[in-house]
Amino acid sequence: MNKQEIEAKVTELIRANIDGAESLEIAEDTMLITGGYIDSFDIVSLISVFEEAFGVTLPFDDLELENFDTVSSIADVILSRQ
């Protein structure tokens, strides 16, 4: 998968797995955490969803705010693990 495909899938997974996110306008640079769209509990649940969907392991070293604040940064982390 290329980065655009991963970003599209990440957006789809966020909408499907976070209550109230179905109708959010989420661009690749939308500030998800600092913008108040998702919280740390959402990230914890999304980590396992991303790992399963993309067949990667996201180690605790990568669990920093800046790695999960945008769809683009999430896609970068996933790409680095493939």
PDB file of N, CA and C in Angstrom:
ATOM      1  N   MET A   1       0.848  -1.188   0.000  1.00  0.00           N
ATOM      2  CA  MET A   1       0.000   0.000   0.000  1.00  0.00           C
ATOM      3  C   MET A   1       0.887   1.243   0.000  1.00  0.00           C
ATOM      4  N   ASN A   2       0.432   2.253  -0.731  1.00  0.00           N
ATOM      5  CA  ASN A   2       1.150   3.519  -0.675  1.00  0.00           C
ATOM      6  C   ASN A   2       0.554   4.406   0.428  1.00  0.00           C
ATOM      7  N   LYS A   3       1.180   5.562   0.651  1.00  0.00           N
ATOM      8  CA  LYS A   3       0.754   6.407   1.766  1.00  0.00           C
ATOM      9  C   LYS A   3      -0.692   6.871   1.606  1.00  0.00           C
ATOM     10  N   GLN A   4      -1.107   7.239   0.402  1.00  0.00           N
ATOM     11  CA  GLN A   4      -2.496   7.688   0.202  1.00  0.00           C
ATOM     12  C   GLN A   4      -3.492   6.597   0.537  1.00  0.00           C
ATOM     13  N   GLU A   5      -3.205   5.376   0.131  1.00  0.00           N
ATOM     14  CA  GLU A   5      -4.094   4.257   0.431  1.00  0.00           C
ATOM     15  C   GLU A   5      -4.158   3.997   1.937  1.00  0.00           C
ATOM     16  N   ILE A   6      -3.011   4.112   2.602  1.00  0.00           N
ATOM     17  CA  ILE A   6      -2.986   3.919   4.053  1.00  0.00           C
ATOM     18  C   ILE A   6      -3.776   5.022   4.736  1.00  0.00           C
ATOM     19  N   GLU A   7      -3.607   6.276   4.296  1.00  0.00           N
ATOM     20  CA  GLU A   7      -4.360   7.388   4.882  1.00  0.00           C
ATOM     21  C   GLU A   7      -5.862   7.180   4.724  1.00  0.00           C
ATOM     22  N   ALA A   8      -6.289   6.715   3.557  1.00  0.00           N
ATOM     23  CA  ALA A   8      -7.712   6.465   3.322  1.00  0.00           C
ATOM     24  C   ALA A   8      -8.226   5.367   4.254  1.00  0.00           C
ATOM     25  N   LYS A   9      -7.435   4.315   4.425  1.00  0.00           N
ATOM     26  CA  LYS A   9      -7.835   3.206   5.296  1.00  0.00           C
ATOM     27  C   LYS A   9      -7.853   3.649   6.762  1.00  0.00           C
ATOM     28  N   VAL A  10      -6.856   4.442   7.187  1.00  0.00           N
ATOM     29  CA  VAL A  10      -6.809   4.947   8.562  1.00  0.00           C
ATOM     30  C   VAL A  10      -8.049   5.789   8.834  1.00  0.00           C
ATOM     31  N   THR A  11      -8.409   6.666   7.900  1.00  0.00           N
ATOM     32  CA  THR A  11      -9.601   7.506   8.057  1.00  0.00           C
ATOM     33  C   THR A  11     -10.847   6.641   8.186  1.00  0.00           C
ATOM     34  N   GLU A  12     -10.943   5.637   7.340  1.00  0.00           N
ATOM     35  CA  GLU A  12     -12.080   4.709   7.385  1.00  0.00           C
ATOM     36  C   GLU A  12     -12.149   3.990   8.734  1.00  0.00           C
ATOM     37  N   LEU A  13     -11.014   3.547   9.235  1.00  0.00           N
ATOM     38  CA  LEU A  13     -10.977   2.828  10.515  1.00  0.00           C
ATOM     39  C   LEU A  13     -11.329   3.743  11.683  1.00  0.00           C
ATOM     40  N   ILE A  14     -10.886   4.981  11.636  1.00  0.00           N
ATOM     41  CA  ILE A  14     -11.241   5.936  12.687  1.00  0.00           C
ATOM     42  C   ILE A  14     -12.749   6.150  12.691  1.00  0.00           C
ATOM     43  N   ARG A  15     -13.322   6.382  11.520  1.00  0.00           N
ATOM     44  CA  ARG A  15     -14.772   6.597  11.427  1.00  0.00           C
ATOM     45  C   ARG A  15     -15.561   5.382  11.906  1.00  0.00           C
ATOM     46  N   ALA A  16     -15.062   4.199  11.622  1.00  0.00           N
ATOM     47  CA  ALA A  16     -15.783   2.970  11.980  1.00  0.00           C
ATOM     48  C   ALA A  16     -15.631   2.583  13.447  1.00  0.00           C
ATOM     49  N   ASN A  17     -14.572   3.046  14.102  1.00  0.00           N
ATOM     50  CA  ASN A  17     -14.277   2.548  15.451  1.00  0.00           C
ATOM     51  C   ASN A  17     -14.367   3.578  16.564  1.00  0.00           C
ATOM     52  N   ILE A  18     -14.584   4.836  16.234  1.00  0.00           N
ATOM     53  CA  ILE A  18     -14.685   5.876  17.249  1.00  0.00           C
ATOM     54  C   ILE A  18     -16.103   6.433  17.245  1.00  0.00           C
ATOM     55  N   ASP A  19     -16.766   6.348  18.398  1.00  0.00           N
ATOM     56  CA  ASP A  19     -18.133   6.852  18.512  1.00  0.00           C
ATOM     57  C   ASP A  19     -18.194   8.322  18.102  1.00  0.00           C
ATOM     58  N   GLY A  20     -19.131   8.633  17.236  1.00  0.00           N
ATOM     59  CA  GLY A  20     -19.339  10.004  16.806  1.00  0.00           C
ATOM     60  C   GLY A  20     -18.446  10.453  15.668  1.00  0.00           C
ATOM     61  N   ALA A  21     -17.534   9.605  15.210  1.00  0.00           N
ATOM     62  CA  ALA A  21     -16.595  10.006  14.159  1.00  0.00           C
ATOM     63  C   ALA A  21     -17.110   9.717  12.751  1.00  0.00           C
ATOM     64  N   GLU A  22     -18.256   9.041  12.639  1.00  0.00           N
ATOM     65  CA  GLU A  22     -18.763   8.635  11.324  1.00  0.00           C
ATOM     66  C   GLU A  22     -18.915   9.807  10.362  1.00  0.00           C
ATOM     67  N   SER A  23     -19.336  10.942  10.870  1.00  0.00           N
ATOM     68  CA  SER A  23     -19.629  12.076   9.992  1.00  0.00           C
ATOM     69  C   SER A  23     -18.563  13.170  10.047  1.00  0.00           C
ATOM     70  N   LEU A  24     -17.463  12.920  10.740  1.00  0.00           N
ATOM     71  CA  LEU A  24     -16.409  13.933  10.835  1.00  0.00           C
ATOM     72  C   LEU A  24     -15.721  14.144   9.492  1.00  0.00           C
ATOM     73  N   GLU A  25     -15.378  15.380   9.226  1.00  0.00           N
ATOM     74  CA  GLU A  25     -14.543  15.692   8.071  1.00  0.00           C
ATOM     75  C   GLU A  25     -13.104  15.525   8.535  1.00  0.00           C
ATOM     76  N   ILE A  26     -12.461  14.463   8.102  1.00  0.00           N
ATOM     77  CA  ILE A  26     -11.102  14.166   8.534  1.00  0.00           C
ATOM     78  C   ILE A  26     -10.185  14.214   7.317  1.00  0.00           C
ATOM     79  N   ALA A  27      -9.309  15.213   7.293  1.00  0.00           N
ATOM     80  CA  ALA A  27      -8.287  15.318   6.256  1.00  0.00           C
ATOM     81  C   ALA A  27      -7.000  14.701   6.784  1.00  0.00           C
ATOM     82  N   GLU A  28      -6.027  14.521   5.914  1.00  0.00           N
ATOM     83  CA  GLU A  28      -4.777  13.900   6.361  1.00  0.00           C
ATOM     84  C   GLU A  28      -4.022  14.747   7.378  1.00  0.00           C
ATOM     85  N   ASP A  29      -4.325  16.063   7.438  1.00  0.00           N
ATOM     86  CA  ASP A  29      -3.633  16.935   8.388  1.00  0.00           C
ATOM     87  C   ASP A  29      -4.530  17.428   9.526  1.00  0.00           C
ATOM     88  N   THR A  30      -5.722  16.867   9.658  1.00  0.00           N
ATOM     89  CA  THR A  30      -6.615  17.219  10.768  1.00  0.00           C
ATOM     90  C   THR A  30      -5.963  16.808  12.083  1.00  0.00           C
ATOM     91  N   MET A  31      -5.906  17.737  13.024  1.00  0.00           N
ATOM     92  CA  MET A  31      -5.322  17.459  14.335  1.00  0.00           C
ATOM     93  C   MET A  31      -6.343  16.646  15.141  1.00  0.00           C
ATOM     94  N   LEU A  32      -6.142  15.360  15.216  1.00  0.00           N
ATOM     95  CA  LEU A  32      -7.115  14.457  15.828  1.00  0.00           C
ATOM     96  C   LEU A  32      -7.151  14.568  17.350  1.00  0.00           C
ATOM     97  N   ILE A  33      -5.990  14.528  17.982  1.00  0.00           N
ATOM     98  CA  ILE A  33      -5.930  14.553  19.444  1.00  0.00           C
ATOM     99  C   ILE A  33      -5.975  15.997  19.943  1.00  0.00           C
ATOM    100  N   THR A  34      -5.047  16.817  19.461  1.00  0.00           N
ATOM    101  CA  THR A  34      -5.003  18.204  19.934  1.00  0.00           C
ATOM    102  C   THR A  34      -6.223  18.987  19.477  1.00  0.00           C
ATOM    103  N   GLY A  35      -6.889  18.524  18.437  1.00  0.00           N
ATOM    104  CA  GLY A  35      -8.121  19.160  17.966  1.00  0.00           C
ATOM    105  C   GLY A  35      -9.360  18.670  18.708  1.00  0.00           C
ATOM    106  N   GLY A  36      -9.202  17.670  19.575  1.00  0.00           N
ATOM    107  CA  GLY A  36     -10.307  17.187  20.386  1.00  0.00           C
ATOM    108  C   GLY A  36     -11.203  16.157  19.711  1.00  0.00           C
ATOM    109  N   TYR A  37     -10.800  15.629  18.578  1.00  0.00           N
ATOM    110  CA  TYR A  37     -11.622  14.627  17.891  1.00  0.00           C
ATOM    111  C   TYR A  37     -11.536  13.258  18.555  1.00  0.00           C
ATOM    112  N   ILE A  38     -10.330  12.896  19.014  1.00  0.00           N
ATOM    113  CA  ILE A  38     -10.136  11.628  19.704  1.00  0.00           C
ATOM    114  C   ILE A  38      -9.284  11.873  20.945  1.00  0.00           C
ATOM    115  N   ASP A  39      -9.351  10.921  21.899  1.00  0.00           N
ATOM    116  CA  ASP A  39      -8.563  11.066  23.118  1.00  0.00           C
ATOM    117  C   ASP A  39      -7.623   9.871  23.267  1.00  0.00           C
ATOM    118  N   SER A  40      -6.888   9.851  24.362  1.00  0.00           N
ATOM    119  CA  SER A  40      -5.892   8.801  24.564  1.00  0.00           C
ATOM    120  C   SER A  40      -6.524   7.411  24.650  1.00  0.00           C
ATOM    121  N   PHE A  41      -7.734   7.327  25.174  1.00  0.00           N
ATOM    122  CA  PHE A  41      -8.418   6.034  25.230  1.00  0.00           C
ATOM    123  C   PHE A  41      -8.753   5.540  23.823  1.00  0.00           C
ATOM    124  N   ASP A  42      -9.155   6.472  22.953  1.00  0.00           N
ATOM    125  CA  ASP A  42      -9.426   6.114  21.558  1.00  0.00           C
ATOM    126  C   ASP A  42      -8.164   5.598  20.878  1.00  0.00           C
ATOM    127  N   ILE A  43      -7.029   6.261  21.133  1.00  0.00           N
ATOM    128  CA  ILE A  43      -5.771   5.843  20.521  1.00  0.00           C
ATOM    129  C   ILE A  43      -5.422   4.421  20.939  1.00  0.00           C
ATOM    130  N   VAL A  44      -5.584   4.114  22.204  1.00  0.00           N
ATOM    131  CA  VAL A  44      -5.275   2.766  22.688  1.00  0.00           C
ATOM    132  C   VAL A  44      -6.106   1.726  21.940  1.00  0.00           C
ATOM    133  N   SER A  45      -7.383   1.996  21.757  1.00  0.00           N
ATOM    134  CA  SER A  45      -8.220   1.025  21.037  1.00  0.00           C
ATOM    135  C   SER A  45      -7.892   0.998  19.545  1.00  0.00           C
ATOM    136  N   LEU A  46      -7.518   2.152  18.985  1.00  0.00           N
ATOM    137  CA  LEU A  46      -7.186   2.193  17.560  1.00  0.00           C
ATOM    138  C   LEU A  46      -5.879   1.476  17.249  1.00  0.00           C
ATOM    139  N   ILE A  47      -4.959   1.464  18.177  1.00  0.00           N
ATOM    140  CA  ILE A  47      -3.670   0.800  17.946  1.00  0.00           C
ATOM    141  C   ILE A  47      -3.891  -0.647  17.522  1.00  0.00           C
ATOM    142  N   SER A  48      -4.711  -1.369  18.249  1.00  0.00           N
ATOM    143  CA  SER A  48      -4.949  -2.777  17.905  1.00  0.00           C
ATOM    144  C   SER A  48      -5.690  -2.903  16.572  1.00  0.00           C
ATOM    145  N   VAL A  49      -6.583  -1.964  16.295  1.00  0.00           N
ATOM    146  CA  VAL A  49      -7.297  -1.966  15.012  1.00  0.00           C
ATOM    147  C   VAL A  49      -6.305  -1.761  13.866  1.00  0.00           C
ATOM    148  N   PHE A  50      -5.396  -0.793  14.021  1.00  0.00           N
ATOM    149  CA  PHE A  50      -4.392  -0.529  12.985  1.00  0.00           C
ATOM    150  C   PHE A  50      -3.449  -1.718  12.812  1.00  0.00           C
ATOM    151  N   GLU A  51      -3.030  -2.321  13.929  1.00  0.00           N
ATOM    152  CA  GLU A  51      -2.128  -3.463  13.843  1.00  0.00           C
ATOM    153  C   GLU A  51      -2.765  -4.603  13.060  1.00  0.00           C
ATOM    154  N   GLU A  52      -4.020  -4.870  13.349  1.00  0.00           N
ATOM    155  CA  GLU A  52      -4.716  -5.960  12.656  1.00  0.00           C
ATOM    156  C   GLU A  52      -4.965  -5.623  11.181  1.00  0.00           C
ATOM    157  N   ALA A  53      -5.404  -4.415  10.904  1.00  0.00           N
ATOM    158  CA  ALA A  53      -5.748  -4.027   9.537  1.00  0.00           C
ATOM    159  C   ALA A  53      -4.532  -3.978   8.617  1.00  0.00           C
ATOM    160  N   PHE A  54      -3.383  -3.575   9.171  1.00  0.00           N
ATOM    161  CA  PHE A  54      -2.200  -3.389   8.335  1.00  0.00           C
ATOM    162  C   PHE A  54      -1.139  -4.463   8.544  1.00  0.00           C
ATOM    163  N   GLY A  55      -1.383  -5.400   9.460  1.00  0.00           N
ATOM    164  CA  GLY A  55      -0.433  -6.475   9.692  1.00  0.00           C
ATOM    165  C   GLY A  55       0.907  -5.985  10.225  1.00  0.00           C
ATOM    166  N   VAL A  56       0.866  -4.994  11.092  1.00  0.00           N
ATOM    167  CA  VAL A  56       2.084  -4.436  11.680  1.00  0.00           C
ATOM    168  C   VAL A  56       2.001  -4.498  13.198  1.00  0.00           C
ATOM    169  N   THR A  57       3.138  -4.303  13.835  1.00  0.00           N
ATOM    170  CA  THR A  57       3.197  -4.152  15.282  1.00  0.00           C
ATOM    171  C   THR A  57       3.651  -2.729  15.566  1.00  0.00           C
ATOM    172  N   LEU A  58       2.915  -2.031  16.392  1.00  0.00           N
ATOM    173  CA  LEU A  58       3.254  -0.661  16.757  1.00  0.00           C
ATOM    174  C   LEU A  58       3.806  -0.669  18.180  1.00  0.00           C
ATOM    175  N   PRO A  59       5.131  -0.651  18.304  1.00  0.00           N
ATOM    176  CA  PRO A  59       5.740  -0.736  19.633  1.00  0.00           C
ATOM    177  C   PRO A  59       5.495   0.514  20.464  1.00  0.00           C
ATOM    178  N   PHE A  60       5.637   0.352  21.763  1.00  0.00           N
ATOM    179  CA  PHE A  60       5.387   1.467  22.675  1.00  0.00           C
ATOM    180  C   PHE A  60       6.296   2.655  22.393  1.00  0.00           C
ATOM    181  N   ASP A  61       7.451   2.433  21.786  1.00  0.00           N
ATOM    182  CA  ASP A  61       8.350   3.541  21.447  1.00  0.00           C
ATOM    183  C   ASP A  61       7.695   4.531  20.492  1.00  0.00           C
ATOM    184  N   ASP A  62       6.757   4.057  19.677  1.00  0.00           N
ATOM    185  CA  ASP A  62       6.081   4.909  18.699  1.00  0.00           C
ATOM    186  C   ASP A  62       4.849   5.608  19.264  1.00  0.00           C
ATOM    187  N   LEU A  63       4.480   5.319  20.483  1.00  0.00           N
ATOM    188  CA  LEU A  63       3.245   5.848  21.053  1.00  0.00           C
ATOM    189  C   LEU A  63       3.444   7.255  21.622  1.00  0.00           C
ATOM    190  N   GLU A  64       3.783   8.179  20.741  1.00  0.00           N
ATOM    191  CA  GLU A  64       3.948   9.573  21.105  1.00  0.00           C
ATOM    192  C   GLU A  64       2.857  10.386  20.423  1.00  0.00           C
ATOM    193  N   LEU A  65       2.437  11.453  21.060  1.00  0.00           N
ATOM    194  CA  LEU A  65       1.354  12.284  20.557  1.00  0.00           C
ATOM    195  C   LEU A  65       1.541  12.655  19.087  1.00  0.00           C
ATOM    196  N   GLU A  66       2.722  13.122  18.734  1.00  0.00           N
ATOM    197  CA  GLU A  66       2.930  13.585  17.358  1.00  0.00           C
ATOM    198  C   GLU A  66       2.821  12.462  16.330  1.00  0.00           C
ATOM    199  N   ASN A  67       2.985  11.207  16.758  1.00  0.00           N
ATOM    200  CA  ASN A  67       2.851  10.082  15.831  1.00  0.00           C
ATOM    201  C   ASN A  67       1.394   9.708  15.556  1.00  0.00           C
ATOM    202  N   PHE A  68       0.479  10.199  16.377  1.00  0.00           N
ATOM    203  CA  PHE A  68      -0.923   9.807  16.233  1.00  0.00           C
ATOM    204  C   PHE A  68      -1.882  10.994  16.169  1.00  0.00           C
ATOM    205  N   ASP A  69      -1.354  12.199  15.958  1.00  0.00           N
ATOM    206  CA  ASP A  69      -2.221  13.381  15.970  1.00  0.00           C
ATOM    207  C   ASP A  69      -2.861  13.670  14.622  1.00  0.00           C
ATOM    208  N   THR A  70      -2.305  13.124  13.547  1.00  0.00           N
ATOM    209  CA  THR A  70      -2.917  13.314  12.230  1.00  0.00           C
ATOM    210  C   THR A  70      -2.961  11.981  11.489  1.00  0.00           C
ATOM    211  N   VAL A  71      -3.833  11.897  10.516  1.00  0.00           N
ATOM    212  CA  VAL A  71      -3.901  10.695   9.674  1.00  0.00           C
ATOM    213  C   VAL A  71      -2.566  10.501   8.965  1.00  0.00           C
ATOM    214  N   SER A  72      -1.964  11.598   8.522  1.00  0.00           N
ATOM    215  CA  SER A  72      -0.683  11.526   7.832  1.00  0.00           C
ATOM    216  C   SER A  72       0.412  10.954   8.726  1.00  0.00           C
ATOM    217  N   SER A  73       0.483  11.403   9.976  1.00  0.00           N
ATOM    218  CA  SER A  73       1.519  10.889  10.879  1.00  0.00           C
ATOM    219  C   SER A  73       1.269   9.425  11.236  1.00  0.00           C
ATOM    220  N   ILE A  74       0.017   9.038  11.362  1.00  0.00           N
ATOM    221  CA  ILE A  74      -0.316   7.629  11.611  1.00  0.00           C
ATOM    222  C   ILE A  74       0.133   6.785  10.419  1.00  0.00           C
ATOM    223  N   ALA A  75      -0.141   7.265   9.215  1.00  0.00           N
ATOM    224  CA  ALA A  75       0.273   6.549   8.003  1.00  0.00           C
ATOM    225  C   ALA A  75       1.789   6.415   7.933  1.00  0.00           C
ATOM    226  N   ASP A  76       2.516   7.451   8.337  1.00  0.00           N
ATOM    227  CA  ASP A  76       3.983   7.387   8.349  1.00  0.00           C
ATOM    228  C   ASP A  76       4.477   6.304   9.290  1.00  0.00           C
ATOM    229  N   VAL A  77       3.874   6.208  10.477  1.00  0.00           N
ATOM    230  CA  VAL A  77       4.263   5.172  11.439  1.00  0.00           C
ATOM    231  C   VAL A  77       3.991   3.795  10.863  1.00  0.00           C
ATOM    232  N   ILE A  78       2.816   3.636  10.279  1.00  0.00           N
ATOM    233  CA  ILE A  78       2.462   2.335   9.686  1.00  0.00           C
ATOM    234  C   ILE A  78       3.420   1.978   8.551  1.00  0.00           C
ATOM    235  N   LEU A  79       3.714   2.952   7.683  1.00  0.00           N
ATOM    236  CA  LEU A  79       4.658   2.709   6.573  1.00  0.00           C
ATOM    237  C   LEU A  79       6.031   2.303   7.102  1.00  0.00           C
ATOM    238  N   SER A  80       6.463   2.902   8.187  1.00  0.00           N
ATOM    239  CA  SER A  80       7.786   2.585   8.720  1.00  0.00           C
ATOM    240  C   SER A  80       7.841   1.183   9.313  1.00  0.00           C
ATOM    241  N   ARG A  81       6.699   0.593   9.584  1.00  0.00           N
ATOM    242  CA  ARG A  81       6.641  -0.742  10.180  1.00  0.00           C
ATOM    243  C   ARG A  81       6.359  -1.829   9.161  1.00  0.00           C
ATOM    244  N   GLN A  82       6.077  -1.472   7.928  1.00  0.00           N
ATOM    245  CA  GLN A  82       5.783  -2.489   6.910  1.00  0.00           C
ATOM    246  C   GLN A  82       7.049  -3.023   6.277  1.00  0.00           C
TER     247      GLN A  82
END
